[in-house]
Amino acid sequence: MFPGGQGDMQSLLEQAAQMQQQLIQAQEELSRMEVEGTSGGGLVTAKVTGAGDLVGLLIAPEAVDPDDTETLADLIVAAVRDATSNAQELAAAKLGPVAGGLGDVGGLQLPGL
């Protein structure tokens, strides 16, 4: 069934468990990290966690025009998109090396990985 016998299978499963633990730790670290995104030359700054959760929004007073709330809304959306993109880049850098080895360990398709 597996070249090398039962010992190789046990080794593969241990390796997969270690990689899964590393992935969980990396995800926990990401949830504690924060990145920012801006728009309008810094008029709006959004802060998100590495997991992509919006945790802060700073709006410069000069960005607020009661007669033009549409522009402010656009600036907010752009800042959140920028922050989310930065969070995705951070997650890819942090999780990529770990997650790349999961899911196909030794030719096995492991469920949930």
Protein backbone atom coordinates (compact mmCIF):
# COMPACT_ATOMS: atom_id res chain seq x y z
CA MET A 1 0.00 0.00 0.00
CA PHE A 2 2.75 2.50 0.97
CA PRO A 3 6.33 2.12 -0.14
CA GLY A 4 8.49 1.46 2.89
CA GLY A 5 5.69 0.13 5.06
CA GLN A 6 3.87 1.31 8.16
CA GLY A 7 6.79 3.37 9.52
CA ASP A 8 6.69 5.69 6.53
CA MET A 9 2.95 6.18 6.96
CA GLN A 10 3.42 7.06 10.64
CA SER A 11 6.20 9.48 9.74
CA LEU A 12 3.99 11.15 7.12
CA LEU A 13 1.14 11.53 9.59
CA GLU A 14 3.46 13.02 12.22
CA GLN A 15 4.84 15.42 9.65
CA ALA A 16 1.32 16.45 8.63
CA ALA A 17 0.35 17.02 12.28
CA GLN A 18 3.42 19.22 12.81
CA MET A 19 2.64 21.24 9.70
CA GLN A 20 -0.96 21.65 10.77
CA GLN A 21 0.18 22.93 14.19
CA GLN A 22 2.51 25.41 12.48
CA LEU A 23 -0.38 26.60 10.32
CA ILE A 24 -2.61 27.09 13.37
CA GLN A 25 0.13 29.07 15.12
CA ALA A 26 0.68 31.24 12.04
CA GLN A 27 -3.07 31.93 11.81
CA GLU A 28 -3.17 32.93 15.48
CA GLU A 29 -0.23 35.29 14.94
CA LEU A 30 -2.01 36.84 11.95
CA SER A 31 -5.14 37.48 13.97
CA ARG A 32 -3.02 39.57 16.39
CA MET A 33 -1.13 41.51 13.70
CA GLU A 34 -2.51 44.72 12.22
CA VAL A 35 -1.91 46.39 8.86
CA GLU A 36 -3.14 49.68 7.45
CA GLY A 37 -4.47 50.88 4.16
CA THR A 38 -5.04 54.46 3.09
CA SER A 39 -6.85 56.46 0.47
CA GLY A 40 -7.18 60.07 -0.56
CA GLY A 41 -3.54 60.76 0.15
CA GLY A 42 -3.98 59.74 3.77
CA LEU A 43 -7.39 61.33 4.35
CA VAL A 44 -8.78 57.93 5.33
CA THR A 45 -6.85 55.15 7.03
CA ALA A 46 -8.29 51.70 7.67
CA LYS A 47 -6.69 49.21 10.02
CA VAL A 48 -7.32 45.47 9.68
CA THR A 49 -5.90 42.40 11.34
CA GLY A 50 -3.78 39.96 9.39
CA ALA A 51 -6.91 37.82 9.29
CA GLY A 52 -8.75 40.63 7.48
CA ASP A 53 -10.99 41.92 10.29
CA LEU A 54 -11.56 45.68 10.24
CA VAL A 55 -10.47 47.04 13.64
CA GLY A 56 -10.04 50.76 13.05
CA LEU A 57 -10.91 53.65 10.79
CA LEU A 58 -9.41 57.13 10.92
CA ILE A 59 -10.98 59.95 8.93
CA ALA A 60 -9.25 63.31 8.66
CA PRO A 61 -11.63 66.22 9.37
CA GLU A 62 -10.93 67.74 5.95
CA ALA A 63 -12.33 64.59 4.33
CA VAL A 64 -15.75 65.27 5.82
CA ASP A 65 -18.00 67.38 3.61
CA PRO A 66 -21.68 67.11 4.63
CA ASP A 67 -22.66 67.98 1.06
CA ASP A 68 -20.51 65.21 -0.44
CA THR A 69 -20.84 62.06 1.63
CA GLU A 70 -20.46 59.93 -1.51
CA THR A 71 -16.80 60.88 -1.88
CA LEU A 72 -16.16 60.08 1.77
CA ALA A 73 -17.84 56.70 1.33
CA ASP A 74 -15.63 56.01 -1.70
CA LEU A 75 -12.52 56.94 0.29
CA ILE A 76 -13.54 54.60 3.11
CA VAL A 77 -14.15 51.72 0.72
CA ALA A 78 -10.80 52.33 -0.98
CA ALA A 79 -8.93 52.45 2.34
CA VAL A 80 -10.56 49.23 3.53
CA ARG A 81 -9.73 47.54 0.23
CA ASP A 82 -6.12 48.69 0.51
CA ALA A 83 -5.84 47.44 4.08
CA THR A 84 -7.47 44.12 3.16
CA SER A 85 -5.07 43.70 0.25
CA ASN A 86 -2.15 44.37 2.58
CA ALA A 87 -3.54 41.81 5.04
CA GLN A 88 -3.82 39.23 2.26
CA GLU A 89 -0.21 39.83 1.27
CA LEU A 90 0.85 39.45 4.89
CA ALA A 91 -1.15 36.22 5.22
CA ALA A 92 0.32 34.83 2.00
CA ALA A 93 3.83 35.58 3.23
CA LYS A 94 3.16 34.12 6.67
CA LEU A 95 1.08 31.08 5.70
CA GLY A 96 2.48 30.29 2.27
CA PRO A 97 5.51 28.27 3.37
CA VAL A 98 3.45 26.32 5.91
CA ALA A 99 0.25 25.83 3.93
CA GLY A 100 2.11 24.90 0.76
CA GLY A 101 3.04 21.54 2.24
CA LEU A 102 -0.38 20.66 3.58
CA GLY A 103 -3.11 18.90 1.70
CA ASP A 104 -0.87 16.60 -0.29
CA VAL A 105 1.44 14.91 2.16
CA GLY A 106 3.33 12.11 0.52
CA GLY A 107 0.73 11.81 -2.19
CA LEU A 108 -2.10 11.57 0.34
CA GLN A 109 -5.04 13.91 0.11
CA LEU A 110 -5.71 14.60 3.77
CA PRO A 111 -9.21 15.84 4.56
CA GLY A 112 -9.48 19.31 6.02
CA LEU A 113 -5.96 20.30 4.98
